[in-house]
Amino acid sequence: MNLREGYGNLLTGKRIEQGLTIKKLAKASGVSEQNILNIEKENIKGYSFCDLRLYLKELDIPLSEIMLGDRVPR
């Protein structure tokens, strides 16, 4: 999986725009607070693809928005 550099800042900004704290997002998405921190800090070894998908789904962000290259089919 090739993610854009700086995707963590983009995701953090979108979470904050939606008025969600890490704690609230963790409860709503089922992703642990630690894994949310790992996603937002771009620590790809600290979370699973499943966690990322749940995170993105809760914030209504398409995976293609953070991927490199052309749009990725959903």
N, C-alpha and C. Protein backbone atom coordinates (compact mmCIF):
# COMPACT_ATOMS: atom_id res chain seq x y z
N MET A 1 0.86 -1.17 0.00
CA MET A 1 0.00 0.00 0.00
C MET A 1 0.90 1.23 0.00
N ASN A 2 0.72 2.07 -0.99
CA ASN A 2 1.53 3.28 -1.10
C ASN A 2 0.68 4.50 -0.74
N LEU A 3 0.98 5.06 0.41
CA LEU A 3 0.22 6.21 0.89
C LEU A 3 0.99 7.50 0.63
N ARG A 4 0.25 8.55 0.39
CA ARG A 4 0.85 9.86 0.16
C ARG A 4 1.61 10.34 1.39
N GLU A 5 2.69 11.02 1.17
CA GLU A 5 3.39 11.65 2.28
C GLU A 5 2.49 12.76 2.84
N GLY A 6 2.40 12.84 4.13
CA GLY A 6 1.58 13.87 4.77
C GLY A 6 0.12 13.49 4.94
N TYR A 7 -0.22 12.22 4.66
CA TYR A 7 -1.63 11.83 4.81
C TYR A 7 -2.10 11.96 6.25
N GLY A 8 -1.19 11.81 7.21
CA GLY A 8 -1.57 11.92 8.62
C GLY A 8 -2.10 13.29 8.97
N ASN A 9 -1.45 14.33 8.45
CA ASN A 9 -1.92 15.70 8.70
C ASN A 9 -3.29 15.92 8.07
N LEU A 10 -3.49 15.39 6.87
CA LEU A 10 -4.78 15.50 6.20
C LEU A 10 -5.87 14.83 7.03
N LEU A 11 -5.60 13.61 7.51
CA LEU A 11 -6.60 12.88 8.29
C LEU A 11 -6.88 13.56 9.63
N THR A 12 -5.84 14.02 10.29
CA THR A 12 -6.02 14.73 11.56
C THR A 12 -6.90 15.96 11.35
N GLY A 13 -6.62 16.71 10.30
CA GLY A 13 -7.42 17.90 9.99
C GLY A 13 -8.87 17.58 9.74
N LYS A 14 -9.13 16.51 9.00
CA LYS A 14 -10.52 16.12 8.71
C LYS A 14 -11.23 15.68 9.99
N ARG A 15 -10.51 14.96 10.85
CA ARG A 15 -11.12 14.53 12.12
C ARG A 15 -11.50 15.76 12.96
N ILE A 16 -10.60 16.70 13.05
CA ILE A 16 -10.85 17.91 13.84
C ILE A 16 -11.98 18.73 13.22
N GLU A 17 -12.01 18.85 11.89
CA GLU A 17 -13.10 19.56 11.20
C GLU A 17 -14.46 18.97 11.55
N GLN A 18 -14.50 17.67 11.76
CA GLN A 18 -15.76 16.99 12.07
C GLN A 18 -16.06 17.02 13.57
N GLY A 19 -15.20 17.69 14.34
CA GLY A 19 -15.45 17.85 15.76
C GLY A 19 -15.21 16.60 16.59
N LEU A 20 -14.36 15.71 16.09
CA LEU A 20 -14.11 14.46 16.80
C LEU A 20 -12.76 14.47 17.51
N THR A 21 -12.77 14.08 18.75
CA THR A 21 -11.53 13.84 19.46
C THR A 21 -11.08 12.42 19.11
N ILE A 22 -9.85 12.09 19.46
CA ILE A 22 -9.37 10.73 19.23
C ILE A 22 -10.24 9.75 20.01
N LYS A 23 -10.60 10.09 21.22
CA LYS A 23 -11.42 9.22 22.06
C LYS A 23 -12.79 8.97 21.41
N LYS A 24 -13.43 10.03 20.92
CA LYS A 24 -14.74 9.89 20.28
C LYS A 24 -14.65 9.07 19.00
N LEU A 25 -13.61 9.30 18.21
CA LEU A 25 -13.43 8.55 16.98
C LEU A 25 -13.17 7.08 17.27
N ALA A 26 -12.39 6.81 18.30
CA ALA A 26 -12.11 5.43 18.68
C ALA A 26 -13.41 4.70 19.05
N LYS A 27 -14.24 5.35 19.81
CA LYS A 27 -15.50 4.74 20.23
C LYS A 27 -16.42 4.50 19.03
N ALA A 28 -16.49 5.49 18.13
CA ALA A 28 -17.39 5.39 16.98
C ALA A 28 -16.91 4.39 15.94
N SER A 29 -15.60 4.30 15.74
CA SER A 29 -15.05 3.48 14.66
C SER A 29 -14.66 2.07 15.08
N GLY A 30 -14.40 1.88 16.37
CA GLY A 30 -13.91 0.59 16.83
C GLY A 30 -12.41 0.44 16.70
N VAL A 31 -11.72 1.51 16.31
CA VAL A 31 -10.26 1.51 16.21
C VAL A 31 -9.71 2.06 17.53
N SER A 32 -8.70 1.41 18.08
CA SER A 32 -8.17 1.86 19.37
C SER A 32 -7.57 3.26 19.27
N GLU A 33 -7.54 3.95 20.39
CA GLU A 33 -6.95 5.29 20.41
C GLU A 33 -5.49 5.24 19.97
N GLN A 34 -4.75 4.23 20.40
CA GLN A 34 -3.35 4.09 20.01
C GLN A 34 -3.21 3.92 18.50
N ASN A 35 -4.09 3.12 17.90
CA ASN A 35 -4.00 2.92 16.46
C ASN A 35 -4.40 4.17 15.69
N ILE A 36 -5.33 4.95 16.22
CA ILE A 36 -5.67 6.23 15.60
C ILE A 36 -4.44 7.14 15.63
N LEU A 37 -3.77 7.19 16.77
CA LEU A 37 -2.53 7.98 16.86
C LEU A 37 -1.50 7.49 15.84
N ASN A 38 -1.36 6.18 15.71
CA ASN A 38 -0.41 5.63 14.74
C ASN A 38 -0.78 6.00 13.31
N ILE A 39 -2.06 5.96 12.98
CA ILE A 39 -2.52 6.36 11.65
C ILE A 39 -2.17 7.82 11.41
N GLU A 40 -2.50 8.68 12.35
CA GLU A 40 -2.29 10.11 12.17
C GLU A 40 -0.82 10.51 12.21
N LYS A 41 0.02 9.67 12.81
CA LYS A 41 1.46 9.94 12.83
C LYS A 41 2.19 9.20 11.71
N GLU A 42 1.41 8.54 10.83
CA GLU A 42 1.94 7.82 9.68
C GLU A 42 2.89 6.69 10.09
N ASN A 43 2.63 6.09 11.23
CA ASN A 43 3.41 4.96 11.70
C ASN A 43 2.76 3.68 11.15
N ILE A 44 3.08 3.34 9.90
CA ILE A 44 2.37 2.26 9.21
C ILE A 44 2.57 0.88 9.86
N LYS A 45 3.59 0.73 10.67
CA LYS A 45 3.79 -0.54 11.36
C LYS A 45 2.92 -0.62 12.62
N GLY A 46 2.26 0.49 12.98
CA GLY A 46 1.50 0.54 14.22
C GLY A 46 0.00 0.33 14.07
N TYR A 47 -0.46 0.04 12.84
CA TYR A 47 -1.89 -0.20 12.64
C TYR A 47 -2.09 -1.13 11.44
N SER A 48 -3.26 -1.72 11.37
CA SER A 48 -3.56 -2.62 10.26
C SER A 48 -4.34 -1.90 9.17
N PHE A 49 -4.39 -2.51 8.01
CA PHE A 49 -5.18 -1.97 6.90
C PHE A 49 -6.66 -1.91 7.31
N CYS A 50 -7.10 -2.90 8.05
CA CYS A 50 -8.48 -2.92 8.54
C CYS A 50 -8.76 -1.69 9.42
N ASP A 51 -7.82 -1.37 10.31
CA ASP A 51 -7.98 -0.17 11.15
C ASP A 51 -8.09 1.08 10.30
N LEU A 52 -7.25 1.18 9.28
CA LEU A 52 -7.27 2.35 8.40
C LEU A 52 -8.61 2.45 7.69
N ARG A 53 -9.12 1.34 7.19
CA ARG A 53 -10.41 1.35 6.49
C ARG A 53 -11.54 1.79 7.43
N LEU A 54 -11.54 1.29 8.66
CA LEU A 54 -12.57 1.70 9.63
C LEU A 54 -12.47 3.19 9.95
N TYR A 55 -11.25 3.66 10.12
CA TYR A 55 -11.00 5.08 10.39
C TYR A 55 -11.56 5.93 9.25
N LEU A 56 -11.18 5.57 8.02
CA LEU A 56 -11.62 6.33 6.85
C LEU A 56 -13.13 6.28 6.68
N LYS A 57 -13.71 5.11 6.92
CA LYS A 57 -15.17 4.96 6.79
C LYS A 57 -15.90 5.88 7.76
N GLU A 58 -15.43 5.91 8.99
CA GLU A 58 -16.10 6.74 10.00
C GLU A 58 -16.03 8.22 9.64
N LEU A 59 -14.94 8.65 9.01
CA LEU A 59 -14.80 10.05 8.63
C LEU A 59 -15.30 10.33 7.21
N ASP A 60 -15.82 9.29 6.54
CA ASP A 60 -16.33 9.41 5.17
C ASP A 60 -15.27 9.94 4.21
N ILE A 61 -14.08 9.34 4.29
CA ILE A 61 -12.96 9.71 3.43
C ILE A 61 -12.66 8.51 2.53
N PRO A 62 -12.67 8.70 1.19
CA PRO A 62 -12.33 7.58 0.32
C PRO A 62 -10.84 7.24 0.43
N LEU A 63 -10.54 5.95 0.36
CA LEU A 63 -9.15 5.50 0.42
C LEU A 63 -8.31 6.18 -0.66
N SER A 64 -8.91 6.42 -1.81
CA SER A 64 -8.19 7.03 -2.93
C SER A 64 -7.64 8.42 -2.58
N GLU A 65 -8.23 9.07 -1.59
CA GLU A 65 -7.78 10.41 -1.20
C GLU A 65 -6.39 10.41 -0.57
N ILE A 66 -5.98 9.29 -0.01
CA ILE A 66 -4.68 9.24 0.64
C ILE A 66 -3.68 8.34 -0.09
N MET A 67 -4.10 7.75 -1.20
CA MET A 67 -3.22 6.87 -1.97
C MET A 67 -2.41 7.67 -2.99
N LEU A 68 -1.24 7.14 -3.32
CA LEU A 68 -0.42 7.71 -4.39
C LEU A 68 -0.99 7.30 -5.75
N GLY A 69 -0.74 8.10 -6.73
CA GLY A 69 -1.10 7.72 -8.10
C GLY A 69 -2.56 7.95 -8.41
N ASP A 70 -3.01 7.22 -9.40
CA ASP A 70 -4.39 7.34 -9.88
C ASP A 70 -5.36 6.84 -8.83
N ARG A 71 -6.60 7.16 -9.03
CA ARG A 71 -7.64 6.71 -8.10
C ARG A 71 -7.65 5.20 -8.01
N VAL A 72 -7.91 4.74 -6.82
CA VAL A 72 -7.96 3.30 -6.54
C VAL A 72 -9.41 2.86 -6.57
N PRO A 73 -9.73 1.77 -7.28
CA PRO A 73 -11.13 1.32 -7.27
C PRO A 73 -11.58 0.91 -5.87
N ARG A 74 -12.81 1.21 -5.54
CA ARG A 74 -13.34 0.86 -4.22
C ARG A 74 -14.08 -0.44 -4.26
